[in-house]
Structures are given as C-alpha cells and as structure tokens.
Amino acid sequence: MTTMASVALSFVDGQLADTISISDRGLAYGDGCFTTALVINGAVAMLPQHLNRLLEQSRQLGLPSFDLATLKVTITNLSAGISIGVIKVIVTCGSGGRGYSRLGVEQAKVIVSFHDYPKYYAQWQKEGITVGISEQKLGINPMLAGLKHLNRLEQVMLRAELDKRPEDDLLACDINNNIIECCSANVFWLKAGQWQTPSLSTAGVVGLMRDKILLNYPEIMPANYDLETLNNIEAMFISNAILGIVPVKVFNDRQLDTSLVRNIQTQCMNY
C-alpha cells in the first residue's frame, strides 16, 4: 500500500480531467461548496458524513443535483491502495445562467482531487502547536454561517497573515469580538474543568471532526465567547477532518497543558 499517489489525480464528473470551463459558476462567483477528507488505509474516513455534508450544503445553497453514485465510485477507486492522503471534493453550480442568476443551470459540476497528506500533522498531533490571535476580524453572515462554501477569501487573508508570523496557527474573532475559529480548524478550550467551543451561528465552518467531538462529549455546549474567556484556560486544541485533533502547547505566548487533550484524541480519532 502506497503513502501517496505517484502522480496528481483529479476527476471531473467521474472522468479523469484537470480542467473546467471558464464559464463555471464556481470560478466566476464561488457558487458551490466543498469537503476535504482523510484517506487512511485505502478508505475515506467519515465518508458518510462527507457525502451528507455535500448533499446538505448543496440543498442549503440551492445547487443543482449531482450524481452521488458516480461520486462514491470515484472516491472509492481513488482511495484504494493509499495508506494516507487527502481527497477534496468540490461541487459547483456548473455553467449557465446570466450574471448572478442561476436560471438555465441544470447540472452541478463535481471535481474530485487527490493530495498528499501533510507529514508534519503527525508531529503536531503528538507535540502540539503554537497559536496566536489574528489581527483581522471575520464578517458576520448568518446566510452562509457553518457552510464550507467556495467563498473563502477571509481564510485566504487569514492564511496570508499567518505566513508572515511565527505561530503555527491563528485564532480569529468576528467583528463583534466573538471567538470563531482558526485559519482552517475549529477550536476548543478547557476552562475551570469544562470544555468550551464557539457557536458558529453567524460565522465560521461547522467541521465534521467538531461534530464528532460534540457527539462524543454532549456536555460541551457551543456558545458565544469573547477573547477574555481565554484568560486562565487550562488547555486548548484545534480540529478538522484532516488534522484530526491537535493540542495547543502555547496560546498567545502562554504555555498550556497538552496532556489534557489526550483522552479526546483517543476517543475521537478512532478511524
């Protein structure tokens, strides 16, 4: 079993391809959604959840239908023989319409691509990372909150800031100074013996690993928290479907206890 594909692979609507039309609405308007999945031991971790996310997000965004059976076959074939890697699935609205209007658009476009697994993630999971506070603020948009849609300019700007800083990741708040998430991960912290995580009702992405953690730990109740909440916290971790669960060893120049995250890692990273 190999650790990665020998060449980059991508499929468009189930056919081997690496191009799409310049009229595709995903390119023109970010009109679509996506999910990014971990491939481990020849299979996609949390595959039903990823497929359900694409279906539910497409429904919420009002995208045209796509062929779920073809998508499942493509993902299954692409994952076979891979010991560890990453598959990204993009669903765009397809081509058509006039301007912003979708009138005349009949079929979504599905793009599946394989990517190498970042080797340093295993070290992060074991040793922890450093997290600072972003100088930028996320906008509030209840219409799109929680969705992994294709309009990701805020995250691009957060990542551009991170590329110029020494930390491994940055925590971002919204314009009302409520804690939301890191650059591409959800965040949890332990305070006074209780795990807490932000509500994502007005901004941010509802991650599948976040869902799994909340399912396994129903006592964690998402709510609105400002930065002052993070004074005197005991531990912190970030999560997403590729990272898994990564402890934070230093937050805003303050040492944290990574050992307090180990039980959650054991419970929720059981692919």
C-alpha atoms as a PDB file:
ATOM      1  CA  MET A   1       0.000   0.000   0.000  1.00  0.00           C
ATOM      2  CA  THR A   2       1.482   3.344  -1.029  1.00  0.00           C
ATOM      3  CA  THR A   3       1.596   6.520   1.048  1.00  0.00           C
ATOM      4  CA  MET A   4       0.523   8.752  -1.836  1.00  0.00           C
ATOM      5  CA  ALA A   5      -0.437   8.696  -5.487  1.00  0.00           C
ATOM      6  CA  SER A   6       2.506   8.534  -7.897  1.00  0.00           C
ATOM      7  CA  VAL A   7       1.018  11.421  -9.887  1.00  0.00           C
ATOM      8  CA  ALA A   8      -1.542  14.097  -9.082  1.00  0.00           C
ATOM      9  CA  LEU A   9      -5.022  12.832  -9.861  1.00  0.00           C
ATOM     10  CA  SER A  10      -8.222  14.741 -10.490  1.00  0.00           C
ATOM     11  CA  PHE A  11     -11.630  13.845 -11.889  1.00  0.00           C
ATOM     12  CA  VAL A  12     -14.457  16.000 -13.221  1.00  0.00           C
ATOM     13  CA  ASP A  13     -17.874  14.344 -13.155  1.00  0.00           C
ATOM     14  CA  GLY A  14     -16.214  10.954 -12.788  1.00  0.00           C
ATOM     15  CA  GLN A  15     -13.841  11.368 -15.752  1.00  0.00           C
ATOM     16  CA  LEU A  16     -10.085  11.849 -15.482  1.00  0.00           C
ATOM     17  CA  ALA A  17      -9.534  15.571 -16.138  1.00  0.00           C
ATOM     18  CA  ASP A  18      -7.730  18.611 -14.804  1.00  0.00           C
ATOM     19  CA  THR A  19      -9.689  21.459 -16.444  1.00  0.00           C
ATOM     20  CA  ILE A  20     -13.132  23.026 -16.182  1.00  0.00           C
ATOM     21  CA  SER A  21     -14.964  25.596 -18.288  1.00  0.00           C
ATOM     22  CA  ILE A  22     -14.143  29.264 -17.751  1.00  0.00           C
ATOM     23  CA  SER A  23     -17.919  29.783 -17.534  1.00  0.00           C
ATOM     24  CA  ASP A  24     -18.210  27.575 -14.437  1.00  0.00           C
ATOM     25  CA  ARG A  25     -20.055  29.449 -11.684  1.00  0.00           C
ATOM     26  CA  GLY A  26     -17.712  28.090  -9.039  1.00  0.00           C
ATOM     27  CA  LEU A  27     -14.903  30.031 -10.721  1.00  0.00           C
ATOM     28  CA  ALA A  28     -16.982  33.089 -11.521  1.00  0.00           C
ATOM     29  CA  TYR A  29     -18.846  33.509  -8.223  1.00  0.00           C
ATOM     30  CA  GLY A  30     -17.667  30.897  -5.742  1.00  0.00           C
ATOM     31  CA  ASP A  31     -21.066  29.321  -6.342  1.00  0.00           C
ATOM     32  CA  GLY A  32     -20.635  25.942  -4.691  1.00  0.00           C
ATOM     33  CA  CYS A  33     -19.338  24.012  -1.729  1.00  0.00           C
ATOM     34  CA  PHE A  34     -16.634  21.504  -0.871  1.00  0.00           C
ATOM     35  CA  THR A  35     -15.374  18.988   1.643  1.00  0.00           C
ATOM     36  CA  THR A  36     -11.881  17.685   2.358  1.00  0.00           C
ATOM     37  CA  ALA A  37     -11.456  14.115   3.590  1.00  0.00           C
ATOM     38  CA  LEU A  38      -8.727  11.964   5.071  1.00  0.00           C
ATOM     39  CA  VAL A  39      -7.809   8.796   3.213  1.00  0.00           C
ATOM     40  CA  ILE A  40      -6.396   6.158   5.533  1.00  0.00           C
ATOM     41  CA  ASN A  41      -5.672   2.524   4.783  1.00  0.00           C
ATOM     42  CA  GLY A  42      -7.407   2.658   1.430  1.00  0.00           C
ATOM     43  CA  ALA A  43     -10.666   4.196   2.615  1.00  0.00           C
ATOM     44  CA  VAL A  44     -12.094   7.649   3.305  1.00  0.00           C
ATOM     45  CA  ALA A  45     -12.542   8.373   6.991  1.00  0.00           C
ATOM     46  CA  MET A  46     -16.074   9.556   7.827  1.00  0.00           C
ATOM     47  CA  LEU A  47     -17.184   9.046   4.216  1.00  0.00           C
ATOM     48  CA  PRO A  48     -20.945   9.029   5.024  1.00  0.00           C
ATOM     49  CA  GLN A  49     -20.549  12.334   6.875  1.00  0.00           C
ATOM     50  CA  HIS A  50     -18.628  13.902   3.982  1.00  0.00           C
ATOM     51  CA  LEU A  51     -21.240  12.808   1.447  1.00  0.00           C
ATOM     52  CA  ASN A  52     -24.059  14.016   3.671  1.00  0.00           C
ATOM     53  CA  ARG A  53     -22.273  17.361   4.089  1.00  0.00           C
ATOM     54  CA  LEU A  54     -22.106  17.805   0.312  1.00  0.00           C
ATOM     55  CA  LEU A  55     -25.764  16.895  -0.114  1.00  0.00           C
ATOM     56  CA  GLU A  56     -26.934  19.112   2.741  1.00  0.00           C
ATOM     57  CA  GLN A  57     -24.780  22.063   1.736  1.00  0.00           C
ATOM     58  CA  SER A  58     -25.933  21.747  -1.872  1.00  0.00           C
ATOM     59  CA  ARG A  59     -29.515  21.760  -0.648  1.00  0.00           C
ATOM     60  CA  GLN A  60     -28.978  24.812   1.546  1.00  0.00           C
ATOM     61  CA  LEU A  61     -27.239  26.687  -1.262  1.00  0.00           C
ATOM     62  CA  GLY A  62     -29.873  25.637  -3.804  1.00  0.00           C
ATOM     63  CA  LEU A  63     -27.359  23.984  -6.138  1.00  0.00           C
ATOM     64  CA  PRO A  64     -28.495  21.686  -8.948  1.00  0.00           C
ATOM     65  CA  SER A  65     -28.370  17.963  -8.260  1.00  0.00           C
ATOM     66  CA  PHE A  66     -25.282  15.838  -8.850  1.00  0.00           C
ATOM     67  CA  ASP A  67     -24.690  12.117  -9.342  1.00  0.00           C
ATOM     68  CA  LEU A  68     -23.950  10.780  -5.857  1.00  0.00           C
ATOM     69  CA  ALA A  69     -23.381   7.226  -7.108  1.00  0.00           C
ATOM     70  CA  THR A  70     -20.680   8.347  -9.559  1.00  0.00           C
ATOM     71  CA  LEU A  71     -19.053  10.421  -6.841  1.00  0.00           C
ATOM     72  CA  LYS A  72     -18.914   7.454  -4.448  1.00  0.00           C
ATOM     73  CA  VAL A  73     -17.348   5.234  -7.123  1.00  0.00           C
ATOM     74  CA  THR A  74     -14.764   7.905  -7.976  1.00  0.00           C
ATOM     75  CA  ILE A  75     -13.810   8.412  -4.324  1.00  0.00           C
ATOM     76  CA  THR A  76     -13.653   4.669  -3.629  1.00  0.00           C
ATOM     77  CA  ASN A  77     -11.445   3.958  -6.645  1.00  0.00           C
ATOM     78  CA  LEU A  78      -9.174   6.907  -5.941  1.00  0.00           C
ATOM     79  CA  SER A  79      -8.695   5.871  -2.298  1.00  0.00           C
ATOM     80  CA  ALA A  80      -7.858   2.239  -2.985  1.00  0.00           C
ATOM     81  CA  GLY A  81      -4.253   1.348  -2.179  1.00  0.00           C
ATOM     82  CA  ILE A  82      -3.494   4.665  -0.459  1.00  0.00           C
ATOM     83  CA  SER A  83      -2.187   4.334   3.099  1.00  0.00           C
ATOM     84  CA  ILE A  84      -2.670   8.021   3.867  1.00  0.00           C
ATOM     85  CA  GLY A  85      -3.654  11.033   1.806  1.00  0.00           C
ATOM     86  CA  VAL A  86      -6.281  13.704   1.233  1.00  0.00           C
ATOM     87  CA  ILE A  87      -9.263  13.821  -1.122  1.00  0.00           C
ATOM     88  CA  LYS A  88     -11.025  17.083  -1.880  1.00  0.00           C
ATOM     89  CA  VAL A  89     -14.493  17.165  -3.433  1.00  0.00           C
ATOM     90  CA  ILE A  90     -15.839  20.398  -4.914  1.00  0.00           C
ATOM     91  CA  VAL A  91     -19.437  20.772  -6.065  1.00  0.00           C
ATOM     92  CA  THR A  92     -20.009  23.854  -8.209  1.00  0.00           C
ATOM     93  CA  CYS A  93     -23.288  25.137  -9.603  1.00  0.00           C
ATOM     94  CA  GLY A  94     -21.979  24.320 -13.069  1.00  0.00           C
ATOM     95  CA  SER A  95     -22.139  26.589 -16.118  1.00  0.00           C
ATOM     96  CA  GLY A  96     -25.012  28.741 -17.270  1.00  0.00           C
ATOM     97  CA  GLY A  97     -27.285  31.495 -16.137  1.00  0.00           C
ATOM     98  CA  ARG A  98     -26.797  35.186 -16.761  1.00  0.00           C
ATOM     99  CA  GLY A  99     -24.777  37.195 -14.277  1.00  0.00           C
ATOM    100  CA  TYR A 100     -25.696  36.139 -10.770  1.00  0.00           C
ATOM    101  CA  SER A 101     -28.879  34.418 -11.955  1.00  0.00           C
ATOM    102  CA  ARG A 102     -28.903  30.616 -11.993  1.00  0.00           C
ATOM    103  CA  LEU A 103     -31.809  30.437 -14.445  1.00  0.00           C
ATOM    104  CA  GLY A 104     -30.954  27.838 -17.061  1.00  0.00           C
ATOM    105  CA  VAL A 105     -28.406  25.976 -14.943  1.00  0.00           C
ATOM    106  CA  GLU A 106     -29.380  22.316 -14.850  1.00  0.00           C
ATOM    107  CA  GLN A 107     -26.412  20.239 -13.667  1.00  0.00           C
ATOM    108  CA  ALA A 108     -23.834  20.724 -10.923  1.00  0.00           C
ATOM    109  CA  LYS A 109     -20.152  20.065 -11.607  1.00  0.00           C
ATOM    110  CA  VAL A 110     -18.285  17.661  -9.302  1.00  0.00           C
ATOM    111  CA  ILE A 111     -14.491  17.856  -9.044  1.00  0.00           C
ATOM    112  CA  VAL A 112     -12.532  15.240  -7.094  1.00  0.00           C
ATOM    113  CA  SER A 113      -8.796  15.586  -6.499  1.00  0.00           C
ATOM    114  CA  PHE A 114      -6.142  13.720  -4.532  1.00  0.00           C
ATOM    115  CA  HIS A 115      -3.458  15.473  -2.455  1.00  0.00           C
ATOM    116  CA  ASP A 116      -0.557  14.380  -0.277  1.00  0.00           C
ATOM    117  CA  TYR A 117      -1.099  14.255   3.472  1.00  0.00           C
ATOM    118  CA  PRO A 118       0.940  16.968   5.244  1.00  0.00           C
ATOM    119  CA  LYS A 119       3.688  14.999   7.003  1.00  0.00           C
ATOM    120  CA  TYR A 120       4.003  17.478   9.876  1.00  0.00           C
ATOM    121  CA  TYR A 121       0.418  16.845  11.035  1.00  0.00           C
ATOM    122  CA  ALA A 122       1.511  13.687  12.896  1.00  0.00           C
ATOM    123  CA  GLN A 123       4.104  15.709  14.786  1.00  0.00           C
ATOM    124  CA  TRP A 124       1.523  18.369  15.578  1.00  0.00           C
ATOM    125  CA  GLN A 125      -0.840  15.742  16.983  1.00  0.00           C
ATOM    126  CA  LYS A 126       1.882  14.434  19.263  1.00  0.00           C
ATOM    127  CA  GLU A 127       3.736  17.577  20.318  1.00  0.00           C
ATOM    128  CA  GLY A 128       1.157  20.350  19.938  1.00  0.00           C
ATOM    129  CA  ILE A 129       1.304  23.718  18.170  1.00  0.00           C
ATOM    130  CA  THR A 130       1.554  27.421  18.912  1.00  0.00           C
ATOM    131  CA  VAL A 131      -1.468  29.646  18.287  1.00  0.00           C
ATOM    132  CA  GLY A 132      -1.667  33.432  18.232  1.00  0.00           C
ATOM    133  CA  ILE A 133      -4.521  35.890  17.748  1.00  0.00           C
ATOM    134  CA  SER A 134      -5.238  37.236  14.279  1.00  0.00           C
ATOM    135  CA  GLU A 135      -5.280  40.972  13.764  1.00  0.00           C
ATOM    136  CA  GLN A 136      -8.122  40.523  11.264  1.00  0.00           C
ATOM    137  CA  LYS A 137     -11.816  40.057  12.004  1.00  0.00           C
ATOM    138  CA  LEU A 138     -14.302  37.754  10.315  1.00  0.00           C
ATOM    139  CA  GLY A 139     -17.539  39.136   8.938  1.00  0.00           C
ATOM    140  CA  ILE A 140     -20.977  38.082  10.161  1.00  0.00           C
ATOM    141  CA  ASN A 141     -23.148  36.243   7.632  1.00  0.00           C
ATOM    142  CA  PRO A 142     -25.943  34.043   9.035  1.00  0.00           C
ATOM    143  CA  MET A 143     -26.991  33.098   5.485  1.00  0.00           C
ATOM    144  CA  LEU A 144     -23.733  31.172   4.948  1.00  0.00           C
ATOM    145  CA  ALA A 145     -22.579  30.514   8.518  1.00  0.00           C
ATOM    146  CA  GLY A 146     -21.440  26.955   9.141  1.00  0.00           C
ATOM    147  CA  LEU A 147     -21.197  26.041   5.444  1.00  0.00           C
ATOM    148  CA  LYS A 148     -17.962  25.021   3.731  1.00  0.00           C
ATOM    149  CA  HIS A 149     -18.800  27.113   0.690  1.00  0.00           C
ATOM    150  CA  LEU A 150     -16.381  28.200  -2.029  1.00  0.00           C
ATOM    151  CA  ASN A 151     -16.216  31.855  -0.930  1.00  0.00           C
ATOM    152  CA  ARG A 152     -13.091  31.527   1.214  1.00  0.00           C
ATOM    153  CA  LEU A 153     -11.379  34.905   0.786  1.00  0.00           C
ATOM    154  CA  GLU A 154     -11.451  35.517   4.541  1.00  0.00           C
ATOM    155  CA  GLN A 155      -9.488  32.325   5.137  1.00  0.00           C
ATOM    156  CA  VAL A 156      -7.047  33.235   2.349  1.00  0.00           C
ATOM    157  CA  MET A 157      -6.402  36.548   4.103  1.00  0.00           C
ATOM    158  CA  LEU A 158      -6.004  34.855   7.483  1.00  0.00           C
ATOM    159  CA  ARG A 159      -3.501  32.452   5.959  1.00  0.00           C
ATOM    160  CA  ALA A 160      -1.603  35.346   4.343  1.00  0.00           C
ATOM    161  CA  GLU A 161      -1.271  36.889   7.804  1.00  0.00           C
ATOM    162  CA  LEU A 162      -0.148  33.573   9.290  1.00  0.00           C
ATOM    163  CA  ASP A 163       2.509  33.167   6.577  1.00  0.00           C
ATOM    164  CA  LYS A 164       4.180  36.317   7.940  1.00  0.00           C
ATOM    165  CA  ARG A 165       4.023  35.289  11.610  1.00  0.00           C
ATOM    166  CA  PRO A 166       5.928  32.746  13.729  1.00  0.00           C
ATOM    167  CA  GLU A 167       2.918  30.845  15.124  1.00  0.00           C
ATOM    168  CA  ASP A 168       1.589  27.591  13.667  1.00  0.00           C
ATOM    169  CA  ASP A 169      -1.995  28.915  13.502  1.00  0.00           C
ATOM    170  CA  LEU A 170      -4.089  31.959  14.363  1.00  0.00           C
ATOM    171  CA  LEU A 171      -7.351  32.335  16.268  1.00  0.00           C
ATOM    172  CA  ALA A 172      -9.881  34.628  14.570  1.00  0.00           C
ATOM    173  CA  CYS A 173     -12.781  36.554  16.081  1.00  0.00           C
ATOM    174  CA  ASP A 174     -15.727  38.119  14.283  1.00  0.00           C
ATOM    175  CA  ILE A 175     -16.334  41.864  14.082  1.00  0.00           C
ATOM    176  CA  ASN A 176     -18.187  41.671  17.432  1.00  0.00           C
ATOM    177  CA  ASN A 177     -15.062  40.117  19.005  1.00  0.00           C
ATOM    178  CA  ASN A 178     -16.671  36.698  19.452  1.00  0.00           C
ATOM    179  CA  ILE A 179     -14.215  33.811  19.054  1.00  0.00           C
ATOM    180  CA  ILE A 180     -14.944  31.836  15.869  1.00  0.00           C
ATOM    181  CA  GLU A 181     -12.181  29.525  14.629  1.00  0.00           C
ATOM    182  CA  CYS A 182      -8.586  29.207  13.474  1.00  0.00           C
ATOM    183  CA  CYS A 183      -7.422  29.556   9.855  1.00  0.00           C
ATOM    184  CA  SER A 184      -8.843  26.187   8.786  1.00  0.00           C
ATOM    185  CA  ALA A 185      -9.839  24.462  12.011  1.00  0.00           C
ATOM    186  CA  ASN A 186     -12.370  24.641  14.811  1.00  0.00           C
ATOM    187  CA  VAL A 187     -11.201  25.406  18.329  1.00  0.00           C
ATOM    188  CA  PHE A 188     -11.974  24.049  21.807  1.00  0.00           C
ATOM    189  CA  TRP A 189     -10.553  25.028  25.195  1.00  0.00           C
ATOM    190  CA  LEU A 190     -10.721  23.824  28.791  1.00  0.00           C
ATOM    191  CA  LYS A 191     -11.609  26.347  31.497  1.00  0.00           C
ATOM    192  CA  ALA A 192     -12.425  25.547  35.114  1.00  0.00           C
ATOM    193  CA  GLY A 193     -12.654  21.880  34.193  1.00  0.00           C
ATOM    194  CA  GLN A 194     -15.213  22.427  31.394  1.00  0.00           C
ATOM    195  CA  TRP A 195     -14.565  22.152  27.660  1.00  0.00           C
ATOM    196  CA  GLN A 196     -15.997  25.020  25.613  1.00  0.00           C
ATOM    197  CA  THR A 197     -16.281  25.846  21.901  1.00  0.00           C
ATOM    198  CA  PRO A 198     -17.763  28.766  19.952  1.00  0.00           C
ATOM    199  CA  SER A 199     -21.214  28.858  18.470  1.00  0.00           C
ATOM    200  CA  LEU A 200     -20.960  29.134  14.684  1.00  0.00           C
ATOM    201  CA  SER A 201     -24.434  30.523  14.042  1.00  0.00           C
ATOM    202  CA  THR A 202     -23.210  33.738  12.402  1.00  0.00           C
ATOM    203  CA  ALA A 203     -19.743  32.894  11.037  1.00  0.00           C
ATOM    204  CA  GLY A 204     -17.271  30.059  10.625  1.00  0.00           C
ATOM    205  CA  VAL A 205     -17.343  26.498   9.311  1.00  0.00           C
ATOM    206  CA  VAL A 206     -19.006  23.603  11.132  1.00  0.00           C
ATOM    207  CA  GLY A 207     -16.305  20.937  10.858  1.00  0.00           C
ATOM    208  CA  LEU A 208     -17.015  17.216  10.727  1.00  0.00           C
ATOM    209  CA  MET A 209     -14.465  16.492  13.453  1.00  0.00           C
ATOM    210  CA  ARG A 210     -16.148  19.178  15.554  1.00  0.00           C
ATOM    211  CA  ASP A 211     -19.451  17.347  15.043  1.00  0.00           C
ATOM    212  CA  LYS A 212     -17.840  14.077  16.108  1.00  0.00           C
ATOM    213  CA  ILE A 213     -16.380  15.638  19.248  1.00  0.00           C
ATOM    214  CA  LEU A 214     -19.718  17.174  20.225  1.00  0.00           C
ATOM    215  CA  LEU A 215     -21.433  13.825  19.630  1.00  0.00           C
ATOM    216  CA  ASN A 216     -18.958  12.056  21.929  1.00  0.00           C
ATOM    217  CA  TYR A 217     -18.990  14.847  24.517  1.00  0.00           C
ATOM    218  CA  PRO A 218     -22.586  16.132  24.688  1.00  0.00           C
ATOM    219  CA  GLU A 219     -21.751  18.154  27.806  1.00  0.00           C
ATOM    220  CA  ILE A 220     -19.885  20.637  25.573  1.00  0.00           C
ATOM    221  CA  MET A 221     -22.434  23.339  24.763  1.00  0.00           C
ATOM    222  CA  PRO A 222     -21.386  25.787  21.998  1.00  0.00           C
ATOM    223  CA  ALA A 223     -21.945  29.420  22.915  1.00  0.00           C
ATOM    224  CA  ASN A 224     -20.685  32.929  22.187  1.00  0.00           C
ATOM    225  CA  TYR A 225     -17.351  33.681  23.868  1.00  0.00           C
ATOM    226  CA  ASP A 226     -15.088  36.714  23.665  1.00  0.00           C
ATOM    227  CA  LEU A 227     -11.309  36.720  23.995  1.00  0.00           C
ATOM    228  CA  GLU A 228     -11.440  37.442  27.735  1.00  0.00           C
ATOM    229  CA  THR A 229     -12.905  33.948  28.133  1.00  0.00           C
ATOM    230  CA  LEU A 230      -9.486  32.560  27.241  1.00  0.00           C
ATOM    231  CA  ASN A 231      -7.813  34.110  30.283  1.00  0.00           C
ATOM    232  CA  ASN A 232      -6.606  31.342  32.603  1.00  0.00           C
ATOM    233  CA  ILE A 233      -7.641  28.443  30.366  1.00  0.00           C
ATOM    234  CA  GLU A 234      -6.005  25.113  31.144  1.00  0.00           C
ATOM    235  CA  ALA A 235      -5.840  23.556  27.678  1.00  0.00           C
ATOM    236  CA  MET A 236      -6.828  24.126  24.062  1.00  0.00           C
ATOM    237  CA  PHE A 237      -6.985  22.138  20.838  1.00  0.00           C
ATOM    238  CA  ILE A 238      -7.927  22.651  17.211  1.00  0.00           C
ATOM    239  CA  SER A 239      -9.672  20.147  14.958  1.00  0.00           C
ATOM    240  CA  ASN A 240     -10.676  19.321  11.428  1.00  0.00           C
ATOM    241  CA  ALA A 241     -11.192  16.176   9.356  1.00  0.00           C
ATOM    242  CA  ILE A 242      -7.586  16.123   8.085  1.00  0.00           C
ATOM    243  CA  LEU A 243      -5.724  17.404  11.152  1.00  0.00           C
ATOM    244  CA  GLY A 244      -7.748  15.266  13.490  1.00  0.00           C
ATOM    245  CA  ILE A 245      -7.250  16.770  16.956  1.00  0.00           C
ATOM    246  CA  VAL A 246      -4.140  18.837  17.647  1.00  0.00           C
ATOM    247  CA  PRO A 247      -3.303  20.160  21.128  1.00  0.00           C
ATOM    248  CA  VAL A 248      -2.157  23.740  21.564  1.00  0.00           C
ATOM    249  CA  LYS A 249       1.049  23.912  23.596  1.00  0.00           C
ATOM    250  CA  VAL A 250       1.331  27.719  23.534  1.00  0.00           C
ATOM    251  CA  PHE A 251      -1.561  30.149  23.131  1.00  0.00           C
ATOM    252  CA  ASN A 252      -0.792  33.851  22.860  1.00  0.00           C
ATOM    253  CA  ASP A 253       2.673  33.234  24.411  1.00  0.00           C
ATOM    254  CA  ARG A 254       1.258  31.250  27.349  1.00  0.00           C
ATOM    255  CA  GLN A 255       2.089  27.584  27.963  1.00  0.00           C
ATOM    256  CA  LEU A 256      -0.827  25.132  28.108  1.00  0.00           C
ATOM    257  CA  ASP A 257      -1.131  21.508  29.237  1.00  0.00           C
ATOM    258  CA  THR A 258      -1.290  19.275  26.150  1.00  0.00           C
ATOM    259  CA  SER A 259      -1.819  16.111  28.233  1.00  0.00           C
ATOM    260  CA  LEU A 260      -5.393  17.210  28.968  1.00  0.00           C
ATOM    261  CA  VAL A 261      -6.259  16.721  25.287  1.00  0.00           C
ATOM    262  CA  ARG A 262      -5.099  13.082  25.014  1.00  0.00           C
ATOM    263  CA  ASN A 263      -8.361  11.448  26.090  1.00  0.00           C
ATOM    264  CA  ILE A 264     -10.324  13.353  23.461  1.00  0.00           C
ATOM    265  CA  GLN A 265      -7.770  12.398  20.807  1.00  0.00           C
ATOM    266  CA  THR A 266      -8.087   8.733  21.775  1.00  0.00           C
ATOM    267  CA  GLN A 267     -11.883   8.850  21.797  1.00  0.00           C
ATOM    268  CA  CYS A 268     -12.446  10.755  18.575  1.00  0.00           C
ATOM    269  CA  MET A 269      -9.533   9.874  16.291  1.00  0.00           C
ATOM    270  CA  ASN A 270     -10.549   6.224  16.010  1.00  0.00           C
ATOM    271  CA  TYR A 271     -10.917   5.928  12.234  1.00  0.00           C
END
